[in-house]
N, C-alpha and C. Protein backbone atom coordinates (compact mmCIF):
# COMPACT_ATOMS: atom_id res chain seq x y z
N MET A 1 40.24 -131.50 85.33
CA MET A 1 40.90 -130.81 84.25
C MET A 1 42.14 -131.60 83.83
N ILE A 2 42.40 -131.64 82.54
CA ILE A 2 43.54 -132.38 82.00
C ILE A 2 44.48 -131.40 81.31
N VAL A 3 45.78 -131.45 81.67
CA VAL A 3 46.79 -130.59 81.08
C VAL A 3 47.85 -131.45 80.40
N LEU A 4 48.21 -131.04 79.20
CA LEU A 4 49.29 -131.67 78.45
C LEU A 4 50.51 -130.78 78.51
N GLY A 5 51.56 -131.24 79.18
CA GLY A 5 52.82 -130.53 79.21
C GLY A 5 53.68 -131.01 78.07
N ILE A 6 54.39 -130.09 77.42
CA ILE A 6 55.22 -130.46 76.27
C ILE A 6 56.59 -129.81 76.40
N ASP A 7 57.63 -130.63 76.33
CA ASP A 7 59.02 -130.17 76.35
C ASP A 7 59.53 -130.21 74.91
N PRO A 8 59.69 -129.04 74.25
CA PRO A 8 60.03 -129.01 72.83
C PRO A 8 61.41 -129.59 72.52
N GLY A 9 61.49 -130.19 71.37
CA GLY A 9 62.76 -130.69 70.86
C GLY A 9 62.56 -131.17 69.43
N THR A 10 63.61 -131.09 68.61
CA THR A 10 63.49 -131.54 67.22
C THR A 10 63.97 -132.97 67.02
N ARG A 11 64.51 -133.57 68.08
CA ARG A 11 64.89 -134.99 68.03
C ARG A 11 64.10 -135.78 69.06
N ASN A 12 63.96 -135.21 70.24
CA ASN A 12 63.19 -135.84 71.33
C ASN A 12 62.25 -134.79 71.91
N LEU A 13 60.97 -135.02 71.74
CA LEU A 13 59.96 -134.10 72.26
C LEU A 13 59.22 -134.82 73.38
N GLY A 14 59.35 -134.31 74.59
CA GLY A 14 58.69 -134.94 75.73
C GLY A 14 57.27 -134.44 75.89
N TRP A 15 56.40 -135.33 76.32
CA TRP A 15 55.02 -134.94 76.62
C TRP A 15 54.56 -135.67 77.88
N GLY A 16 53.66 -135.01 78.60
CA GLY A 16 53.13 -135.61 79.82
C GLY A 16 51.74 -135.08 80.09
N VAL A 17 50.85 -135.96 80.49
CA VAL A 17 49.46 -135.59 80.74
C VAL A 17 49.16 -135.79 82.22
N VAL A 18 48.63 -134.73 82.85
CA VAL A 18 48.29 -134.76 84.27
C VAL A 18 46.84 -134.31 84.42
N HIS A 19 46.13 -135.00 85.31
CA HIS A 19 44.72 -134.69 85.58
C HIS A 19 44.59 -134.12 86.99
N ARG A 20 43.75 -133.11 87.13
CA ARG A 20 43.47 -132.56 88.45
C ARG A 20 42.00 -132.72 88.75
N ALA A 21 41.71 -133.31 89.91
CA ALA A 21 40.35 -133.39 90.43
C ALA A 21 40.40 -132.77 91.82
N GLY A 22 39.78 -131.61 91.99
CA GLY A 22 39.91 -130.89 93.25
C GLY A 22 41.35 -130.46 93.41
N ASN A 23 41.97 -130.83 94.52
CA ASN A 23 43.38 -130.51 94.75
C ASN A 23 44.31 -131.67 94.41
N ARG A 24 43.75 -132.77 93.97
CA ARG A 24 44.53 -133.98 93.72
C ARG A 24 45.02 -134.04 92.27
N LEU A 25 46.33 -134.21 92.11
CA LEU A 25 46.93 -134.38 90.79
C LEU A 25 47.20 -135.85 90.56
N SER A 26 46.90 -136.31 89.35
CA SER A 26 47.21 -137.71 89.04
C SER A 26 47.81 -137.82 87.64
N HIS A 27 48.73 -138.75 87.53
CA HIS A 27 49.42 -139.03 86.27
C HIS A 27 48.45 -139.75 85.34
N VAL A 28 48.40 -139.30 84.09
CA VAL A 28 47.58 -139.97 83.09
C VAL A 28 48.49 -140.75 82.14
N ALA A 29 49.46 -140.06 81.55
CA ALA A 29 50.36 -140.71 80.59
C ALA A 29 51.55 -139.79 80.33
N HIS A 30 52.60 -140.36 79.80
CA HIS A 30 53.75 -139.57 79.36
C HIS A 30 54.51 -140.34 78.30
N GLY A 31 55.36 -139.65 77.59
CA GLY A 31 56.17 -140.30 76.58
C GLY A 31 57.13 -139.33 75.94
N VAL A 32 57.91 -139.86 75.02
CA VAL A 32 58.86 -139.05 74.27
C VAL A 32 58.67 -139.38 72.80
N ILE A 33 58.45 -138.36 72.00
CA ILE A 33 58.38 -138.54 70.56
C ILE A 33 59.82 -138.43 70.06
N ARG A 34 60.34 -139.57 69.63
CA ARG A 34 61.73 -139.63 69.16
C ARG A 34 61.71 -139.72 67.63
N VAL A 35 62.46 -138.85 67.00
CA VAL A 35 62.54 -138.87 65.54
C VAL A 35 64.00 -139.07 65.14
N ARG A 36 64.20 -139.52 63.93
CA ARG A 36 65.56 -139.85 63.47
C ARG A 36 66.35 -138.58 63.22
N ALA A 37 67.50 -138.47 63.86
CA ALA A 37 68.36 -137.29 63.74
C ALA A 37 68.86 -137.10 62.31
N GLU A 38 68.98 -138.18 61.57
CA GLU A 38 69.51 -138.07 60.20
C GLU A 38 68.46 -137.58 59.19
N ASP A 39 67.18 -137.56 59.58
CA ASP A 39 66.15 -137.02 58.70
C ASP A 39 66.27 -135.51 58.62
N SER A 40 65.75 -134.94 57.55
CA SER A 40 65.79 -133.48 57.41
C SER A 40 64.93 -132.85 58.50
N LEU A 41 65.21 -131.58 58.79
CA LEU A 41 64.44 -130.88 59.82
C LEU A 41 62.96 -130.87 59.47
N SER A 42 62.64 -130.63 58.22
CA SER A 42 61.23 -130.58 57.82
C SER A 42 60.55 -131.94 58.01
N ALA A 43 61.25 -133.03 57.72
CA ALA A 43 60.69 -134.36 57.91
C ALA A 43 60.47 -134.64 59.40
N ARG A 44 61.43 -134.23 60.24
CA ARG A 44 61.28 -134.43 61.68
C ARG A 44 60.11 -133.63 62.22
N LEU A 45 59.98 -132.37 61.79
CA LEU A 45 58.88 -131.54 62.27
C LEU A 45 57.53 -132.10 61.83
N SER A 46 57.48 -132.62 60.61
CA SER A 46 56.24 -133.22 60.12
C SER A 46 55.85 -134.44 60.96
N GLU A 47 56.83 -135.28 61.27
CA GLU A 47 56.55 -136.45 62.09
C GLU A 47 56.14 -136.05 63.51
N ILE A 48 56.80 -135.04 64.06
CA ILE A 48 56.45 -134.56 65.39
C ILE A 48 55.00 -134.07 65.39
N ALA A 49 54.62 -133.31 64.36
CA ALA A 49 53.25 -132.79 64.28
C ALA A 49 52.24 -133.93 64.22
N GLN A 50 52.50 -134.92 63.40
CA GLN A 50 51.58 -136.05 63.27
C GLN A 50 51.43 -136.79 64.60
N ARG A 51 52.54 -137.08 65.24
CA ARG A 51 52.48 -137.85 66.48
C ARG A 51 51.93 -137.03 67.64
N LEU A 52 52.21 -135.73 67.66
CA LEU A 52 51.64 -134.87 68.70
C LEU A 52 50.13 -134.73 68.52
N ASP A 53 49.67 -134.64 67.28
CA ASP A 53 48.23 -134.63 67.01
C ASP A 53 47.57 -135.88 67.58
N GLU A 54 48.25 -137.03 67.47
CA GLU A 54 47.71 -138.29 68.00
C GLU A 54 47.62 -138.24 69.53
N VAL A 55 48.65 -137.68 70.17
CA VAL A 55 48.64 -137.56 71.63
C VAL A 55 47.48 -136.67 72.07
N ILE A 56 47.32 -135.54 71.39
CA ILE A 56 46.24 -134.61 71.73
C ILE A 56 44.88 -135.27 71.53
N ALA A 57 44.70 -135.97 70.43
CA ALA A 57 43.41 -136.66 70.16
C ALA A 57 43.14 -137.74 71.19
N ALA A 58 44.17 -138.44 71.62
CA ALA A 58 43.98 -139.53 72.58
C ALA A 58 43.63 -139.04 73.97
N HIS A 59 44.19 -137.91 74.39
CA HIS A 59 44.02 -137.46 75.78
C HIS A 59 43.10 -136.26 75.96
N LYS A 60 42.77 -135.58 74.87
CA LYS A 60 41.84 -134.45 74.89
C LYS A 60 42.09 -133.47 76.05
N PRO A 61 43.28 -132.87 76.08
CA PRO A 61 43.58 -131.92 77.16
C PRO A 61 42.76 -130.65 77.03
N SER A 62 42.50 -130.01 78.16
CA SER A 62 41.82 -128.72 78.11
C SER A 62 42.84 -127.60 78.05
N CYS A 63 44.10 -127.91 78.33
CA CYS A 63 45.15 -126.89 78.30
C CYS A 63 46.48 -127.54 77.94
N GLY A 64 47.30 -126.80 77.21
CA GLY A 64 48.66 -127.22 76.92
C GLY A 64 49.63 -126.31 77.65
N SER A 65 50.69 -126.85 78.21
CA SER A 65 51.68 -126.08 78.95
C SER A 65 53.05 -126.29 78.31
N VAL A 66 53.67 -125.19 77.89
CA VAL A 66 54.93 -125.24 77.16
C VAL A 66 55.92 -124.27 77.80
N GLU A 67 57.19 -124.61 77.71
CA GLU A 67 58.22 -123.72 78.24
C GLU A 67 58.31 -122.46 77.39
N GLN A 68 58.47 -121.31 78.06
CA GLN A 68 58.65 -120.05 77.33
C GLN A 68 59.96 -120.09 76.57
N ILE A 69 60.03 -119.26 75.55
CA ILE A 69 61.27 -119.14 74.78
C ILE A 69 62.35 -118.56 75.68
N PHE A 70 63.52 -119.15 75.61
CA PHE A 70 64.66 -118.58 76.31
C PHE A 70 65.81 -118.51 75.32
N PHE A 71 66.73 -117.63 75.56
CA PHE A 71 67.82 -117.43 74.62
C PHE A 71 68.96 -118.38 74.95
N HIS A 72 69.28 -119.19 74.00
CA HIS A 72 70.28 -120.23 74.13
C HIS A 72 71.64 -119.69 73.70
N LYS A 73 72.70 -120.27 74.23
CA LYS A 73 74.05 -119.85 73.84
C LYS A 73 74.32 -120.14 72.37
N ASP A 74 73.73 -121.20 71.86
CA ASP A 74 73.93 -121.61 70.46
C ASP A 74 72.73 -121.14 69.63
N PRO A 75 72.91 -120.11 68.80
CA PRO A 75 71.78 -119.58 68.03
C PRO A 75 71.11 -120.62 67.13
N GLN A 76 71.90 -121.53 66.57
CA GLN A 76 71.32 -122.55 65.69
C GLN A 76 70.43 -123.50 66.48
N ALA A 77 70.86 -123.88 67.68
CA ALA A 77 70.03 -124.74 68.53
C ALA A 77 68.75 -124.01 68.94
N ALA A 78 68.87 -122.72 69.23
CA ALA A 78 67.70 -121.93 69.61
C ALA A 78 66.70 -121.85 68.46
N ALA A 79 67.22 -121.69 67.24
CA ALA A 79 66.34 -121.63 66.07
C ALA A 79 65.60 -122.95 65.88
N LYS A 80 66.30 -124.06 66.04
CA LYS A 80 65.65 -125.37 65.89
C LYS A 80 64.60 -125.57 66.97
N LEU A 81 64.90 -125.15 68.18
CA LEU A 81 63.92 -125.23 69.27
C LEU A 81 62.69 -124.40 68.92
N GLY A 82 62.93 -123.24 68.31
CA GLY A 82 61.82 -122.39 67.88
C GLY A 82 60.94 -123.08 66.85
N HIS A 83 61.55 -123.85 65.96
CA HIS A 83 60.77 -124.60 64.97
C HIS A 83 59.87 -125.61 65.67
N ALA A 84 60.43 -126.32 66.65
CA ALA A 84 59.64 -127.32 67.38
C ALA A 84 58.50 -126.65 68.14
N ARG A 85 58.78 -125.51 68.76
CA ARG A 85 57.72 -124.78 69.48
C ARG A 85 56.62 -124.36 68.52
N GLY A 86 57.00 -123.95 67.31
CA GLY A 86 56.00 -123.56 66.32
C GLY A 86 55.06 -124.71 65.98
N VAL A 87 55.62 -125.90 65.82
CA VAL A 87 54.81 -127.08 65.55
C VAL A 87 53.86 -127.35 66.72
N ILE A 88 54.37 -127.23 67.93
CA ILE A 88 53.54 -127.46 69.13
C ILE A 88 52.39 -126.47 69.18
N LEU A 89 52.70 -125.19 68.98
CA LEU A 89 51.66 -124.17 69.01
C LEU A 89 50.61 -124.42 67.95
N LEU A 90 51.04 -124.82 66.76
CA LEU A 90 50.11 -125.11 65.68
C LEU A 90 49.20 -126.29 66.04
N CYS A 91 49.79 -127.36 66.54
CA CYS A 91 48.99 -128.55 66.89
C CYS A 91 47.96 -128.22 67.97
N LEU A 92 48.37 -127.48 68.99
CA LEU A 92 47.43 -127.11 70.05
C LEU A 92 46.33 -126.19 69.52
N HIS A 93 46.71 -125.24 68.67
CA HIS A 93 45.72 -124.32 68.12
C HIS A 93 44.69 -125.06 67.25
N ARG A 94 45.18 -125.96 66.39
CA ARG A 94 44.25 -126.71 65.52
C ARG A 94 43.29 -127.56 66.32
N ALA A 95 43.71 -128.02 67.49
CA ALA A 95 42.85 -128.85 68.35
C ALA A 95 42.02 -127.99 69.30
N ASP A 96 42.15 -126.67 69.19
CA ASP A 96 41.43 -125.72 70.04
C ASP A 96 41.74 -125.95 71.53
N VAL A 97 43.03 -126.16 71.81
CA VAL A 97 43.50 -126.36 73.18
C VAL A 97 44.16 -125.07 73.65
N ALA A 98 43.72 -124.55 74.79
CA ALA A 98 44.31 -123.33 75.35
C ALA A 98 45.80 -123.57 75.62
N LEU A 99 46.58 -122.53 75.54
CA LEU A 99 48.03 -122.65 75.72
C LEU A 99 48.50 -121.73 76.83
N ARG A 100 49.36 -122.25 77.69
CA ARG A 100 50.03 -121.45 78.70
C ARG A 100 51.52 -121.70 78.57
N GLU A 101 52.30 -120.65 78.79
CA GLU A 101 53.76 -120.77 78.71
C GLU A 101 54.35 -120.41 80.06
N HIS A 102 55.38 -121.15 80.46
CA HIS A 102 56.01 -120.93 81.76
C HIS A 102 57.52 -120.86 81.59
N ALA A 103 58.13 -119.93 82.31
CA ALA A 103 59.59 -119.80 82.30
C ALA A 103 60.21 -121.01 83.00
N PRO A 104 61.36 -121.48 82.51
CA PRO A 104 62.00 -122.64 83.14
C PRO A 104 62.22 -122.45 84.65
N ALA A 105 62.61 -121.26 85.07
CA ALA A 105 62.84 -121.02 86.50
C ALA A 105 61.55 -121.14 87.30
N ARG A 106 60.42 -120.73 86.70
CA ARG A 106 59.13 -120.85 87.39
C ARG A 106 58.76 -122.32 87.59
N VAL A 107 59.01 -123.13 86.58
CA VAL A 107 58.70 -124.56 86.67
C VAL A 107 59.54 -125.19 87.79
N LYS A 108 60.83 -124.88 87.80
CA LYS A 108 61.72 -125.43 88.83
C LYS A 108 61.31 -124.96 90.22
N ARG A 109 60.97 -123.69 90.33
CA ARG A 109 60.57 -123.12 91.63
C ARG A 109 59.25 -123.73 92.10
N THR A 110 58.32 -123.94 91.18
CA THR A 110 57.02 -124.50 91.55
C THR A 110 57.17 -125.92 92.09
N LEU A 111 58.05 -126.71 91.50
CA LEU A 111 58.21 -128.09 91.93
C LEU A 111 59.17 -128.26 93.09
N THR A 112 60.25 -127.48 93.11
CA THR A 112 61.29 -127.74 94.11
C THR A 112 61.48 -126.60 95.12
N GLY A 113 60.90 -125.43 94.82
CA GLY A 113 61.13 -124.28 95.67
C GLY A 113 62.40 -123.53 95.31
N ASN A 114 63.12 -124.01 94.30
CA ASN A 114 64.40 -123.42 93.89
C ASN A 114 64.39 -123.23 92.37
N GLY A 115 64.43 -121.98 91.92
CA GLY A 115 64.41 -121.68 90.49
C GLY A 115 65.67 -122.10 89.75
N GLN A 116 66.70 -122.52 90.50
CA GLN A 116 67.96 -122.97 89.88
C GLN A 116 68.16 -124.48 90.04
N ALA A 117 67.11 -125.20 90.39
CA ALA A 117 67.21 -126.65 90.61
C ALA A 117 67.73 -127.36 89.36
N GLU A 118 68.42 -128.45 89.59
CA GLU A 118 68.93 -129.28 88.49
C GLU A 118 67.84 -130.22 87.99
N LYS A 119 67.98 -130.69 86.75
CA LYS A 119 66.98 -131.58 86.15
C LYS A 119 66.69 -132.83 86.99
N PRO A 120 67.70 -133.50 87.55
CA PRO A 120 67.40 -134.69 88.35
C PRO A 120 66.51 -134.39 89.56
N GLN A 121 66.71 -133.22 90.17
CA GLN A 121 65.90 -132.84 91.33
C GLN A 121 64.44 -132.61 90.89
N VAL A 122 64.25 -131.97 89.73
CA VAL A 122 62.90 -131.75 89.21
C VAL A 122 62.24 -133.10 88.90
N ALA A 123 62.99 -133.99 88.28
CA ALA A 123 62.44 -135.32 87.95
C ALA A 123 62.03 -136.08 89.20
N GLN A 124 62.84 -136.00 90.26
CA GLN A 124 62.49 -136.66 91.52
C GLN A 124 61.19 -136.10 92.10
N MET A 125 61.01 -134.78 92.01
CA MET A 125 59.78 -134.16 92.52
C MET A 125 58.58 -134.57 91.68
N VAL A 126 58.76 -134.66 90.36
CA VAL A 126 57.67 -135.13 89.49
C VAL A 126 57.25 -136.54 89.93
N LYS A 127 58.23 -137.39 90.14
CA LYS A 127 57.96 -138.76 90.58
C LYS A 127 57.19 -138.76 91.89
N ALA A 128 57.62 -137.94 92.84
CA ALA A 128 56.98 -137.90 94.16
C ALA A 128 55.57 -137.31 94.09
N VAL A 129 55.41 -136.20 93.39
CA VAL A 129 54.10 -135.53 93.31
C VAL A 129 53.05 -136.43 92.65
N LEU A 130 53.47 -137.15 91.60
CA LEU A 130 52.52 -137.98 90.86
C LEU A 130 52.48 -139.43 91.35
N GLY A 131 53.32 -139.76 92.32
CA GLY A 131 53.33 -141.12 92.86
C GLY A 131 53.77 -142.16 91.85
N LEU A 132 54.74 -141.81 91.02
CA LEU A 132 55.23 -142.75 90.01
C LEU A 132 56.19 -143.75 90.65
N SER A 133 56.22 -144.96 90.12
CA SER A 133 57.10 -145.99 90.68
C SER A 133 58.54 -145.84 90.18
N ALA A 134 58.72 -145.16 89.04
CA ALA A 134 60.07 -144.96 88.49
C ALA A 134 60.15 -143.56 87.89
N LEU A 135 61.37 -143.10 87.74
CA LEU A 135 61.57 -141.80 87.10
C LEU A 135 61.20 -141.90 85.62
N PRO A 136 60.45 -140.93 85.12
CA PRO A 136 60.18 -140.93 83.68
C PRO A 136 61.44 -140.49 82.92
N PRO A 137 61.51 -140.74 81.62
CA PRO A 137 62.64 -140.23 80.83
C PRO A 137 62.75 -138.71 81.02
N SER A 138 63.95 -138.18 80.89
CA SER A 138 64.21 -136.77 81.17
C SER A 138 63.25 -135.82 80.44
N ASP A 139 63.07 -136.03 79.13
CA ASP A 139 62.19 -135.13 78.37
C ASP A 139 60.74 -135.23 78.84
N ALA A 140 60.29 -136.43 79.18
CA ALA A 140 58.93 -136.61 79.68
C ALA A 140 58.79 -136.02 81.07
N ALA A 141 59.82 -136.14 81.89
CA ALA A 141 59.79 -135.54 83.24
C ALA A 141 59.64 -134.03 83.15
N ASP A 142 60.35 -133.41 82.22
CA ASP A 142 60.23 -131.97 82.02
C ASP A 142 58.81 -131.60 81.58
N ALA A 143 58.24 -132.40 80.70
CA ALA A 143 56.88 -132.14 80.24
C ALA A 143 55.86 -132.30 81.38
N LEU A 144 56.03 -133.34 82.18
CA LEU A 144 55.13 -133.52 83.34
C LEU A 144 55.28 -132.36 84.32
N ALA A 145 56.52 -131.87 84.49
CA ALA A 145 56.74 -130.72 85.37
C ALA A 145 56.00 -129.49 84.86
N LEU A 146 55.97 -129.30 83.56
CA LEU A 146 55.22 -128.18 82.97
C LEU A 146 53.72 -128.32 83.25
N ALA A 147 53.19 -129.53 83.11
CA ALA A 147 51.77 -129.76 83.38
C ALA A 147 51.45 -129.52 84.85
N ILE A 148 52.30 -130.02 85.73
CA ILE A 148 52.09 -129.82 87.18
C ILE A 148 52.12 -128.33 87.51
N THR A 149 53.08 -127.61 86.93
CA THR A 149 53.19 -126.18 87.17
C THR A 149 51.90 -125.48 86.79
N GLU A 150 51.38 -125.79 85.63
CA GLU A 150 50.13 -125.16 85.18
C GLU A 150 49.00 -125.42 86.17
N LEU A 151 48.91 -126.64 86.65
CA LEU A 151 47.81 -127.00 87.55
C LEU A 151 48.00 -126.44 88.96
N ARG A 152 49.23 -126.18 89.37
CA ARG A 152 49.48 -125.68 90.72
C ARG A 152 49.42 -124.16 90.84
N LEU A 153 49.72 -123.45 89.77
CA LEU A 153 49.85 -122.00 89.87
C LEU A 153 48.54 -121.31 90.25
N ASP A 154 47.51 -121.54 89.49
CA ASP A 154 46.21 -120.92 89.77
C ASP A 154 45.14 -121.84 89.23
N PRO A 155 44.61 -122.71 90.07
CA PRO A 155 43.64 -123.69 89.59
C PRO A 155 42.44 -123.10 88.86
N GLY A 156 42.02 -121.89 89.19
CA GLY A 156 40.86 -121.31 88.52
C GLY A 156 41.20 -120.51 87.28
N ALA A 157 42.49 -120.21 87.07
CA ALA A 157 42.88 -119.36 85.95
C ALA A 157 42.55 -119.99 84.61
N VAL A 158 42.79 -121.27 84.49
CA VAL A 158 42.55 -121.94 83.22
C VAL A 158 41.06 -121.90 82.87
N ALA A 159 40.20 -122.19 83.83
CA ALA A 159 38.76 -122.16 83.57
C ALA A 159 38.30 -120.75 83.19
N ARG A 160 38.82 -119.74 83.89
CA ARG A 160 38.44 -118.36 83.57
C ARG A 160 38.91 -117.97 82.18
N GLU A 161 40.15 -118.34 81.84
CA GLU A 161 40.69 -118.00 80.52
C GLU A 161 39.92 -118.71 79.42
N ASP A 162 39.59 -119.97 79.62
CA ASP A 162 38.83 -120.71 78.62
C ASP A 162 37.45 -120.08 78.41
N ALA A 163 36.80 -119.68 79.49
CA ALA A 163 35.49 -119.04 79.38
C ALA A 163 35.61 -117.71 78.64
N ARG A 164 36.66 -116.95 78.95
CA ARG A 164 36.87 -115.67 78.28
C ARG A 164 37.09 -115.87 76.78
N LYS A 165 37.92 -116.84 76.42
CA LYS A 165 38.19 -117.10 75.01
C LYS A 165 36.94 -117.58 74.29
N SER A 166 36.14 -118.39 74.96
CA SER A 166 34.90 -118.87 74.36
C SER A 166 33.97 -117.69 74.08
N ASN A 167 33.85 -116.78 75.03
CA ASN A 167 33.01 -115.60 74.84
C ASN A 167 33.55 -114.73 73.72
N LEU A 168 34.87 -114.59 73.63
CA LEU A 168 35.47 -113.80 72.56
C LEU A 168 35.14 -114.39 71.20
N ARG A 169 35.22 -115.72 71.09
CA ARG A 169 34.95 -116.38 69.81
C ARG A 169 33.51 -116.13 69.37
N LYS A 170 32.60 -116.05 70.32
CA LYS A 170 31.19 -115.84 69.98
C LYS A 170 30.93 -114.41 69.53
N LYS A 171 31.66 -113.45 70.06
CA LYS A 171 31.37 -112.05 69.82
C LYS A 171 32.24 -111.40 68.75
N ILE A 172 33.43 -111.92 68.56
CA ILE A 172 34.38 -111.28 67.66
C ILE A 172 34.55 -112.14 66.41
N PRO A 173 34.53 -111.49 65.24
CA PRO A 173 34.79 -112.26 64.02
C PRO A 173 36.14 -112.97 64.11
N VAL A 174 36.24 -114.10 63.45
CA VAL A 174 37.43 -114.94 63.54
C VAL A 174 38.71 -114.18 63.23
N HIS A 175 38.72 -113.39 62.15
CA HIS A 175 39.95 -112.70 61.78
C HIS A 175 40.39 -111.70 62.86
N LEU A 176 39.44 -111.08 63.56
CA LEU A 176 39.81 -110.17 64.65
C LEU A 176 40.29 -110.94 65.88
N ALA A 177 39.65 -112.08 66.16
CA ALA A 177 40.08 -112.90 67.30
C ALA A 177 41.51 -113.40 67.08
N GLU A 178 41.83 -113.79 65.84
CA GLU A 178 43.17 -114.26 65.54
C GLU A 178 44.19 -113.13 65.69
N ALA A 179 43.84 -111.93 65.23
CA ALA A 179 44.73 -110.78 65.38
C ALA A 179 44.96 -110.47 66.85
N LEU A 180 43.91 -110.56 67.66
CA LEU A 180 44.02 -110.34 69.10
C LEU A 180 44.94 -111.38 69.73
N ALA A 181 44.79 -112.63 69.34
CA ALA A 181 45.63 -113.70 69.88
C ALA A 181 47.10 -113.47 69.52
N ARG A 182 47.38 -113.02 68.29
CA ARG A 182 48.76 -112.75 67.89
C ARG A 182 49.34 -111.61 68.73
N THR A 183 48.54 -110.57 68.96
CA THR A 183 49.00 -109.44 69.76
C THR A 183 49.30 -109.87 71.18
N GLN A 184 48.42 -110.70 71.77
CA GLN A 184 48.65 -111.18 73.13
C GLN A 184 49.90 -112.04 73.20
N ALA A 185 50.13 -112.85 72.18
CA ALA A 185 51.33 -113.70 72.16
C ALA A 185 52.58 -112.84 72.09
N ARG A 186 52.56 -111.77 71.27
CA ARG A 186 53.71 -110.88 71.18
C ARG A 186 53.98 -110.20 72.52
N ARG A 187 52.91 -109.77 73.19
CA ARG A 187 53.07 -109.13 74.50
C ARG A 187 53.68 -110.10 75.51
N ALA A 188 53.21 -111.36 75.47
CA ALA A 188 53.72 -112.36 76.41
C ALA A 188 55.20 -112.61 76.17
N LEU A 189 55.61 -112.60 74.90
CA LEU A 189 57.01 -112.83 74.58
C LEU A 189 57.89 -111.67 74.99
N SER A 190 57.34 -110.46 75.00
CA SER A 190 58.15 -109.29 75.34
C SER A 190 58.32 -109.10 76.83
N LYS A 191 57.57 -109.85 77.64
CA LYS A 191 57.67 -109.73 79.11
C LYS A 191 58.88 -110.42 79.64
């Protein structure tokens, strides 16, 4: 199974691809989509969408793992992060890639055992778990941590969810399936 972890950002968007065979996790690829800060927000989001579509097409993940929305001290920064998340969700949906969201504390706890771990500690664990020779860039390390979290939490959950969604698509008209997906997303956000 291949999971694409994505760390949202409107200037630097981290991505990381991890493969699981049995209980073994292996690094496939990672990177950071960097866009020009002086470009308009819409231009940056458009470029992010185009480049993320390329990453998805190149690696064909079966699941995408993204950080859950959290409330930031700066409302404007939170809104921009929301725009980036929207682009990510759209790209994954268009590619028919299942999506899982994880709270930042869950990602930290899964990798380090401590939900309050600092970013450098998480990056070191990513390096160790995947056997990397060097630390990945911070945004890519966060994305790889999201992918690892998805693969470690419940190895069978992704396969079960994909099978369930496939069955739903066969039985339910598209407009009803989309309404169901929106309702489930709202419920997930309210938890």
